[in-house]
């Protein structure tokens, strides 16, 4: 008996998956102003980078044009080629700041869609700890890997749907707020 192979997911379907994940993650991140209160609005980042930054909005996590880089995603695939085209169509670039991200400002990232996996999925350790401590949401580096997996054609529809449900559960938990949380809640893995 041969095992049935899953149907191939097209480039456009993969890009829809990516945008769906991007929208879901951005909704989760938008529920609190953790970065604004802890980093962006401060005279210097509370989470120092090297060299240290002294101007508000210049963060340790946004010190290069990661938006233009695809960490380990194969550049030559039809999916990543189309992704790069869509990035260019949707980018709003600011004046270049030496050694800093061109797309980052005092109010955060100016890119509204098609962020690279590292831009979209990376969060600092203090924010991960905040999500874990206050909401029992375990946010790990694997988010970046999962976003890359979508573009590499390595994530199935079933795997994607399961992950999306976890992002949505985490979002709902954060929406309810810390004071309304019950003790001994199940940890949500994003």
C-alpha atoms as a PDB file:
ATOM      1  CA  UNK A   1       0.000   0.000   0.000  1.00  0.00           C
ATOM      2  CA  UNK A   2       1.418   3.388  -0.958  1.00  0.00           C
ATOM      3  CA  UNK A   3       0.966   6.456   1.152  1.00  0.00           C
ATOM      4  CA  UNK A   4      -0.993   9.242  -0.555  1.00  0.00           C
ATOM      5  CA  UNK A   5       1.084  12.384  -0.969  1.00  0.00           C
ATOM      6  CA  UNK A   6      -0.535  15.667   0.066  1.00  0.00           C
ATOM      7  CA  UNK A   7      -1.623  17.952  -2.756  1.00  0.00           C
ATOM      8  CA  UNK A   8       0.988  20.498  -3.799  1.00  0.00           C
ATOM      9  CA  UNK A   9       0.236  23.973  -2.477  1.00  0.00           C
ATOM     10  CA  UNK A  10       0.667  26.684  -5.107  1.00  0.00           C
ATOM     11  CA  UNK A  11       2.777  29.814  -4.734  1.00  0.00           C
ATOM     12  CA  UNK A  12      -0.328  31.980  -4.424  1.00  0.00           C
ATOM     13  CA  UNK A  13      -1.819  29.684  -1.773  1.00  0.00           C
ATOM     14  CA  UNK A  14       1.463  29.834   0.186  1.00  0.00           C
ATOM     15  CA  UNK A  15       1.450  33.618   0.022  1.00  0.00           C
ATOM     16  CA  UNK A  16      -2.147  33.659   1.284  1.00  0.00           C
ATOM     17  CA  UNK A  17      -1.061  31.382   4.164  1.00  0.00           C
ATOM     18  CA  UNK A  18       1.819  33.744   4.939  1.00  0.00           C
ATOM     19  CA  UNK A  19      -0.383  36.859   4.877  1.00  0.00           C
ATOM     20  CA  UNK A  20      -2.934  35.108   7.099  1.00  0.00           C
ATOM     21  CA  UNK A  21      -0.204  34.272   9.626  1.00  0.00           C
ATOM     22  CA  UNK A  22       1.183  37.800   9.333  1.00  0.00           C
ATOM     23  CA  UNK A  23      -2.233  39.348  10.024  1.00  0.00           C
ATOM     24  CA  UNK A  24      -2.845  37.023  12.978  1.00  0.00           C
ATOM     25  CA  UNK A  25       0.562  37.759  14.544  1.00  0.00           C
ATOM     26  CA  UNK A  26       0.216  41.509  14.019  1.00  0.00           C
ATOM     27  CA  UNK A  27      -3.202  41.405  15.685  1.00  0.00           C
ATOM     28  CA  UNK A  28      -1.621  39.646  18.688  1.00  0.00           C
ATOM     29  CA  UNK A  29       1.200  42.212  18.847  1.00  0.00           C
ATOM     30  CA  UNK A  30      -1.201  45.164  18.505  1.00  0.00           C
ATOM     31  CA  UNK A  31      -3.182  44.303  21.631  1.00  0.00           C
ATOM     32  CA  UNK A  32      -0.586  45.803  23.932  1.00  0.00           C
ATOM     33  CA  UNK A  33       1.871  48.622  23.558  1.00  0.00           C
ATOM     34  CA  UNK A  34       4.718  46.661  25.133  1.00  0.00           C
ATOM     35  CA  UNK A  35       7.341  47.829  22.616  1.00  0.00           C
ATOM     36  CA  UNK A  36       6.139  51.427  22.628  1.00  0.00           C
ATOM     37  CA  UNK A  37       6.190  51.664  26.417  1.00  0.00           C
ATOM     38  CA  UNK A  38       9.352  49.626  26.962  1.00  0.00           C
ATOM     39  CA  UNK A  39      11.519  50.642  24.019  1.00  0.00           C
ATOM     40  CA  UNK A  40      10.335  52.857  21.207  1.00  0.00           C
ATOM     41  CA  UNK A  41       9.315  55.888  23.256  1.00  0.00           C
ATOM     42  CA  UNK A  42      12.302  55.700  25.591  1.00  0.00           C
ATOM     43  CA  UNK A  43      15.387  57.925  25.238  1.00  0.00           C
ATOM     44  CA  UNK A  44      17.409  54.727  24.918  1.00  0.00           C
ATOM     45  CA  UNK A  45      16.365  51.149  24.506  1.00  0.00           C
ATOM     46  CA  UNK A  46      15.757  49.335  27.780  1.00  0.00           C
ATOM     47  CA  UNK A  47      17.256  46.292  26.054  1.00  0.00           C
ATOM     48  CA  UNK A  48      20.631  47.581  24.930  1.00  0.00           C
ATOM     49  CA  UNK A  49      22.185  46.904  21.578  1.00  0.00           C
ATOM     50  CA  UNK A  50      25.722  47.538  20.497  1.00  0.00           C
ATOM     51  CA  UNK A  51      26.500  50.233  19.694  1.00  0.00           C
ATOM     52  CA  UNK A  52      24.060  51.795  22.172  1.00  0.00           C
ATOM     53  CA  UNK A  53      21.288  53.897  20.711  1.00  0.00           C
ATOM     54  CA  UNK A  54      20.245  57.165  22.266  1.00  0.00           C
ATOM     55  CA  UNK A  55      17.454  58.290  19.944  1.00  0.00           C
ATOM     56  CA  UNK A  56      13.888  57.065  20.536  1.00  0.00           C
ATOM     57  CA  UNK A  57      12.751  54.466  18.050  1.00  0.00           C
ATOM     58  CA  UNK A  58      16.167  52.998  17.368  1.00  0.00           C
ATOM     59  CA  UNK A  59      15.934  49.552  18.861  1.00  0.00           C
ATOM     60  CA  UNK A  60      18.302  46.679  19.379  1.00  0.00           C
ATOM     61  CA  UNK A  61      15.930  44.335  17.551  1.00  0.00           C
ATOM     62  CA  UNK A  62      15.697  46.582  14.492  1.00  0.00           C
ATOM     63  CA  UNK A  63      19.301  47.475  13.797  1.00  0.00           C
ATOM     64  CA  UNK A  64      19.596  46.162  10.211  1.00  0.00           C
ATOM     65  CA  UNK A  65      17.464  45.995   7.101  1.00  0.00           C
ATOM     66  CA  UNK A  66      16.186  42.541   7.918  1.00  0.00           C
ATOM     67  CA  UNK A  67      13.166  43.401   5.784  1.00  0.00           C
ATOM     68  CA  UNK A  68      15.407  43.022   2.749  1.00  0.00           C
ATOM     69  CA  UNK A  69      16.950  39.744   3.902  1.00  0.00           C
ATOM     70  CA  UNK A  70      15.595  36.229   3.806  1.00  0.00           C
ATOM     71  CA  UNK A  71      17.525  34.408   6.539  1.00  0.00           C
ATOM     72  CA  UNK A  72      17.657  30.851   5.260  1.00  0.00           C
ATOM     73  CA  UNK A  73      14.809  30.807   2.761  1.00  0.00           C
ATOM     74  CA  UNK A  74      15.924  29.767  -0.707  1.00  0.00           C
ATOM     75  CA  UNK A  75      15.912  32.927  -2.810  1.00  0.00           C
ATOM     76  CA  UNK A  76      15.329  31.165  -6.118  1.00  0.00           C
ATOM     77  CA  UNK A  77      11.942  29.565  -5.509  1.00  0.00           C
ATOM     78  CA  UNK A  78       8.832  30.954  -7.235  1.00  0.00           C
ATOM     79  CA  UNK A  79       7.299  31.596  -3.808  1.00  0.00           C
ATOM     80  CA  UNK A  80      10.192  33.711  -2.531  1.00  0.00           C
ATOM     81  CA  UNK A  81      10.558  35.526  -5.865  1.00  0.00           C
ATOM     82  CA  UNK A  82       6.883  36.509  -5.734  1.00  0.00           C
ATOM     83  CA  UNK A  83       7.223  37.373  -2.024  1.00  0.00           C
ATOM     84  CA  UNK A  84      10.097  39.777  -2.833  1.00  0.00           C
ATOM     85  CA  UNK A  85       8.018  41.421  -5.588  1.00  0.00           C
ATOM     86  CA  UNK A  86       5.132  41.934  -3.166  1.00  0.00           C
ATOM     87  CA  UNK A  87       7.512  43.356  -0.558  1.00  0.00           C
ATOM     88  CA  UNK A  88       8.749  45.992  -3.006  1.00  0.00           C
ATOM     89  CA  UNK A  89       5.186  46.890  -3.989  1.00  0.00           C
ATOM     90  CA  UNK A  90       4.193  47.386  -0.333  1.00  0.00           C
ATOM     91  CA  UNK A  91       7.325  48.959   1.188  1.00  0.00           C
ATOM     92  CA  UNK A  92       7.431  52.499   2.504  1.00  0.00           C
ATOM     93  CA  UNK A  93      11.060  53.449   2.946  1.00  0.00           C
ATOM     94  CA  UNK A  94      12.341  56.268   5.106  1.00  0.00           C
ATOM     95  CA  UNK A  95      15.602  58.164   4.826  1.00  0.00           C
ATOM     96  CA  UNK A  96      18.542  55.835   5.367  1.00  0.00           C
ATOM     97  CA  UNK A  97      20.099  55.835   8.829  1.00  0.00           C
ATOM     98  CA  UNK A  98      23.537  54.262   8.882  1.00  0.00           C
ATOM     99  CA  UNK A  99      23.458  50.874  10.567  1.00  0.00           C
ATOM    100  CA  UNK A 100      19.741  51.069  11.295  1.00  0.00           C
ATOM    101  CA  UNK A 101      16.644  49.691   9.612  1.00  0.00           C
ATOM    102  CA  UNK A 102      15.313  52.034   6.940  1.00  0.00           C
ATOM    103  CA  UNK A 103      11.769  50.911   7.710  1.00  0.00           C
ATOM    104  CA  UNK A 104      11.744  51.576  11.441  1.00  0.00           C
ATOM    105  CA  UNK A 105      10.646  54.813  13.119  1.00  0.00           C
ATOM    106  CA  UNK A 106       9.729  56.221  16.499  1.00  0.00           C
ATOM    107  CA  UNK A 107       6.292  54.623  16.137  1.00  0.00           C
ATOM    108  CA  UNK A 108       7.583  51.213  15.082  1.00  0.00           C
ATOM    109  CA  UNK A 109       7.831  49.379  11.790  1.00  0.00           C
ATOM    110  CA  UNK A 110       6.494  51.217   8.747  1.00  0.00           C
ATOM    111  CA  UNK A 111       6.080  48.029   6.710  1.00  0.00           C
ATOM    112  CA  UNK A 112       2.443  47.035   6.818  1.00  0.00           C
ATOM    113  CA  UNK A 113       2.642  43.676   5.000  1.00  0.00           C
ATOM    114  CA  UNK A 114       5.084  41.096   3.654  1.00  0.00           C
ATOM    115  CA  UNK A 115       7.593  41.411   6.451  1.00  0.00           C
ATOM    116  CA  UNK A 116      10.340  38.796   6.214  1.00  0.00           C
ATOM    117  CA  UNK A 117      10.030  35.924   8.689  1.00  0.00           C
ATOM    118  CA  UNK A 118      12.686  37.382  11.002  1.00  0.00           C
ATOM    119  CA  UNK A 119      11.049  40.848  11.030  1.00  0.00           C
ATOM    120  CA  UNK A 120       7.614  39.452  11.644  1.00  0.00           C
ATOM    121  CA  UNK A 121       8.385  36.584  13.986  1.00  0.00           C
ATOM    122  CA  UNK A 122      11.180  37.902  16.195  1.00  0.00           C
ATOM    123  CA  UNK A 123      10.328  39.311  19.614  1.00  0.00           C
ATOM    124  CA  UNK A 124      12.767  40.170  22.382  1.00  0.00           C
ATOM    125  CA  UNK A 125      13.186  38.001  25.466  1.00  0.00           C
ATOM    126  CA  UNK A 126      11.508  40.541  27.798  1.00  0.00           C
ATOM    127  CA  UNK A 127       8.375  40.493  25.615  1.00  0.00           C
ATOM    128  CA  UNK A 128       8.396  36.672  25.489  1.00  0.00           C
ATOM    129  CA  UNK A 129       8.651  36.633  29.276  1.00  0.00           C
ATOM    130  CA  UNK A 130       5.805  39.164  29.538  1.00  0.00           C
ATOM    131  CA  UNK A 131       3.516  36.978  27.385  1.00  0.00           C
ATOM    132  CA  UNK A 132       4.427  33.896  29.389  1.00  0.00           C
ATOM    133  CA  UNK A 133       4.094  35.456  32.832  1.00  0.00           C
ATOM    134  CA  UNK A 134       0.913  37.427  32.200  1.00  0.00           C
ATOM    135  CA  UNK A 135      -0.977  35.256  29.728  1.00  0.00           C
ATOM    136  CA  UNK A 136       0.591  31.781  29.790  1.00  0.00           C
ATOM    137  CA  UNK A 137       1.504  32.189  26.106  1.00  0.00           C
ATOM    138  CA  UNK A 138       4.762  30.491  25.128  1.00  0.00           C
ATOM    139  CA  UNK A 139       6.167  32.451  22.184  1.00  0.00           C
ATOM    140  CA  UNK A 140       9.394  30.954  20.824  1.00  0.00           C
ATOM    141  CA  UNK A 141      11.941  31.427  18.064  1.00  0.00           C
ATOM    142  CA  UNK A 142      10.113  28.645  16.215  1.00  0.00           C
ATOM    143  CA  UNK A 143       7.662  31.276  14.944  1.00  0.00           C
ATOM    144  CA  UNK A 144      10.364  32.527  12.564  1.00  0.00           C
ATOM    145  CA  UNK A 145      11.058  28.940  11.476  1.00  0.00           C
ATOM    146  CA  UNK A 146       7.352  28.318  10.846  1.00  0.00           C
ATOM    147  CA  UNK A 147       7.068  31.454   8.700  1.00  0.00           C
ATOM    148  CA  UNK A 148      10.110  30.340   6.706  1.00  0.00           C
ATOM    149  CA  UNK A 149       8.603  26.883   6.386  1.00  0.00           C
ATOM    150  CA  UNK A 150       5.538  28.370   4.680  1.00  0.00           C
ATOM    151  CA  UNK A 151       7.744  30.039   2.075  1.00  0.00           C
ATOM    152  CA  UNK A 152       9.920  26.942   1.643  1.00  0.00           C
ATOM    153  CA  UNK A 153       6.859  24.816   0.864  1.00  0.00           C
ATOM    154  CA  UNK A 154       7.455  22.753   3.962  1.00  0.00           C
ATOM    155  CA  UNK A 155       4.248  23.453   5.888  1.00  0.00           C
ATOM    156  CA  UNK A 156       1.091  21.524   5.159  1.00  0.00           C
ATOM    157  CA  UNK A 157      -2.392  23.040   5.327  1.00  0.00           C
ATOM    158  CA  UNK A 158      -3.149  20.948   8.418  1.00  0.00           C
ATOM    159  CA  UNK A 159       0.007  22.083  10.224  1.00  0.00           C
ATOM    160  CA  UNK A 160      -0.756  25.700   9.292  1.00  0.00           C
ATOM    161  CA  UNK A 161      -4.354  25.520  10.514  1.00  0.00           C
ATOM    162  CA  UNK A 162      -3.249  24.091  13.873  1.00  0.00           C
ATOM    163  CA  UNK A 163      -0.668  26.855  14.325  1.00  0.00           C
ATOM    164  CA  UNK A 164      -3.164  29.549  13.291  1.00  0.00           C
ATOM    165  CA  UNK A 165      -5.647  28.288  15.907  1.00  0.00           C
ATOM    166  CA  UNK A 166      -2.920  28.622  18.570  1.00  0.00           C
ATOM    167  CA  UNK A 167      -2.176  32.208  17.493  1.00  0.00           C
ATOM    168  CA  UNK A 168      -5.902  32.992  17.651  1.00  0.00           C
ATOM    169  CA  UNK A 169      -6.204  31.404  21.127  1.00  0.00           C
ATOM    170  CA  UNK A 170      -3.254  33.477  22.332  1.00  0.00           C
ATOM    171  CA  UNK A 171      -4.834  36.605  20.860  1.00  0.00           C
ATOM    172  CA  UNK A 172      -8.138  35.926  22.602  1.00  0.00           C
ATOM    173  CA  UNK A 173      -6.364  35.350  25.906  1.00  0.00           C
ATOM    174  CA  UNK A 174      -4.461  38.643  25.643  1.00  0.00           C
ATOM    175  CA  UNK A 175      -7.696  40.445  24.672  1.00  0.00           C
ATOM    176  CA  UNK A 176      -9.313  39.248  27.898  1.00  0.00           C
ATOM    177  CA  UNK A 177      -6.481  40.783  29.862  1.00  0.00           C
ATOM    178  CA  UNK A 178      -4.359  39.758  32.798  1.00  0.00           C
ATOM    179  CA  UNK A 179      -6.944  40.442  35.515  1.00  0.00           C
ATOM    180  CA  UNK A 180      -9.499  38.113  33.963  1.00  0.00           C
ATOM    181  CA  UNK A 181      -7.159  35.118  33.683  1.00  0.00           C
ATOM    182  CA  UNK A 182      -7.893  31.974  35.668  1.00  0.00           C
ATOM    183  CA  UNK A 183      -5.197  30.174  37.626  1.00  0.00           C
ATOM    184  CA  UNK A 184      -3.572  27.046  36.255  1.00  0.00           C
ATOM    185  CA  UNK A 185      -4.479  27.781  32.644  1.00  0.00           C
ATOM    186  CA  UNK A 186      -3.227  25.644  29.827  1.00  0.00           C
ATOM    187  CA  UNK A 187      -0.091  27.120  28.238  1.00  0.00           C
ATOM    188  CA  UNK A 188      -0.648  28.147  24.620  1.00  0.00           C
ATOM    189  CA  UNK A 189       2.262  27.358  22.316  1.00  0.00           C
ATOM    190  CA  UNK A 190       2.607  29.907  19.513  1.00  0.00           C
END
